[in-house]
Protein backbone atom coordinates (compact mmCIF):
# COMPACT_ATOMS: atom_id res chain seq x y z
CA MET A 1 145.30 177.72 86.57
CA SER A 2 145.95 180.23 83.80
CA ILE A 3 147.76 183.47 84.42
CA LEU A 4 144.52 185.38 83.80
CA GLY A 5 142.72 183.15 86.29
CA PHE A 6 145.48 183.76 88.81
CA PHE A 7 145.08 187.55 88.59
CA LEU A 8 141.29 187.46 88.55
CA ASP A 9 141.08 184.99 91.45
CA PRO A 10 138.81 186.67 94.05
CA VAL A 11 140.90 185.20 96.85
CA ARG A 12 144.01 187.06 95.58
CA ASP A 13 142.31 190.14 94.13
CA PRO A 14 142.54 192.95 96.70
CA LEU A 15 139.61 194.72 95.02
CA SER A 16 137.22 191.77 95.23
CA PRO A 17 134.62 191.84 98.01
CA SER A 18 136.52 189.21 100.01
CA GLY A 19 139.82 191.02 99.40
CA LEU A 20 138.29 194.29 100.61
CA GLN A 21 136.88 192.55 103.66
CA ARG A 22 140.30 191.16 104.54
CA GLU A 23 141.89 194.58 104.06
CA MET A 24 139.21 196.23 106.23
CA ALA A 25 139.65 193.57 108.93
CA ALA A 26 143.43 194.05 108.92
CA ARG A 27 143.13 197.83 109.15
CA THR A 28 140.50 197.54 111.88
CA HIS A 29 142.83 195.29 113.85
CA VAL A 30 145.72 197.75 113.53
CA LEU A 31 143.51 200.70 114.51
CA SER A 32 142.13 198.76 117.46
CA LYS A 33 145.65 198.13 118.76
CA GLN A 34 146.59 201.80 118.30
CA ILE A 35 143.45 202.98 120.12
CA GLY A 36 144.14 200.53 122.94
CA ALA A 37 147.68 201.89 123.33
CA LEU A 38 146.39 205.49 123.33
CA ASN A 39 143.76 204.63 125.94
CA LYS A 40 146.40 203.07 128.19
CA ARG A 41 148.60 206.17 127.89
CA ARG A 42 145.65 208.44 128.68
CA LYS A 43 144.75 206.31 131.72
CA ASP A 44 148.36 206.47 132.91
CA GLU A 45 148.43 210.25 132.41
CA LEU A 46 145.13 210.62 134.27
CA GLU A 47 146.44 208.57 137.20
CA THR A 48 149.61 210.69 137.29
CA LEU A 49 147.50 213.88 137.34
CA ARG A 50 145.28 212.52 140.11
CA THR A 51 148.33 211.60 142.19
CA THR A 52 149.90 215.02 141.62
CA ILE A 53 146.69 216.83 142.57
CA ALA A 54 146.31 214.72 145.72
CA LYS A 55 149.89 215.59 146.75
CA LEU A 56 149.28 219.30 146.07
CA MET A 57 146.09 219.20 148.12
CA LEU A 58 148.04 217.70 151.03
CA VAL A 59 150.74 220.39 150.77
CA VAL A 60 148.19 223.23 150.64
CA GLU A 61 146.20 221.83 153.56
CA THR A 62 149.40 221.42 155.60
CA GLN A 63 150.48 224.99 154.83
CA GLN A 64 147.08 226.40 155.74
CA ARG A 65 146.94 224.52 159.03
CA MET A 66 150.51 225.52 159.93
CA ILE A 67 149.82 229.19 159.18
CA LEU A 68 146.70 229.11 161.35
CA HIS A 69 148.36 227.05 164.10
CA LYS A 70 151.32 229.46 164.34
CA GLY A 71 148.91 232.39 164.54
CA LEU A 72 150.19 234.13 161.42
CA CYS A 73 146.60 234.90 160.51
CA THR A 74 143.06 233.96 161.48
CA GLN A 75 140.77 231.68 159.48
CA ARG A 76 138.77 234.76 158.49
CA GLU A 77 141.88 236.62 157.26
CA PHE A 78 142.93 233.55 155.30
CA GLU A 79 139.52 233.25 153.64
CA THR A 80 139.43 236.98 152.85
CA MET A 81 142.87 236.77 151.19
CA MET A 82 141.87 233.64 149.28
CA GLN A 83 138.75 235.39 147.95
CA ALA A 84 140.81 238.40 146.88
CA ILE A 85 143.31 236.16 145.07
CA ASP A 86 140.43 234.24 143.47
CA LEU A 87 139.15 237.51 141.97
CA GLU A 88 142.54 238.37 140.45
CA ASP A 89 141.69 236.40 137.31
CA GLY A 90 138.38 238.25 137.00
CA THR A 91 136.09 235.43 138.15
CA ALA A 92 135.08 234.31 141.65
CA ASP A 93 135.05 230.60 140.85
CA GLY A 94 137.37 229.08 143.45
CA GLN A 95 140.16 228.72 140.92
CA LEU A 96 143.23 230.69 139.95
CA ARG A 97 143.75 230.75 136.22
CA ARG A 98 146.87 232.38 134.91
CA ARG A 99 146.52 234.24 131.64
């Protein structure tokens, strides 16, 4: 094979249709691996958040029951206070959002 043939060989030429297809396939493979790794991290983060929220829910429920059980307030007083605190951020939406 001549030197010109070597450089114009579509198998070796990165700008030939088959060369571009190989390059696209390689890049697609790399991106696919990167997306898979990101998805795994996001799933792990989501599971950590769910676990943390479940623990916080348990703590809050325990505190509420203990407060009521010890007679520190009534259920009605607790709900009234919770509604007042809910309104502190300007919206009665059952959430407390700090600014």
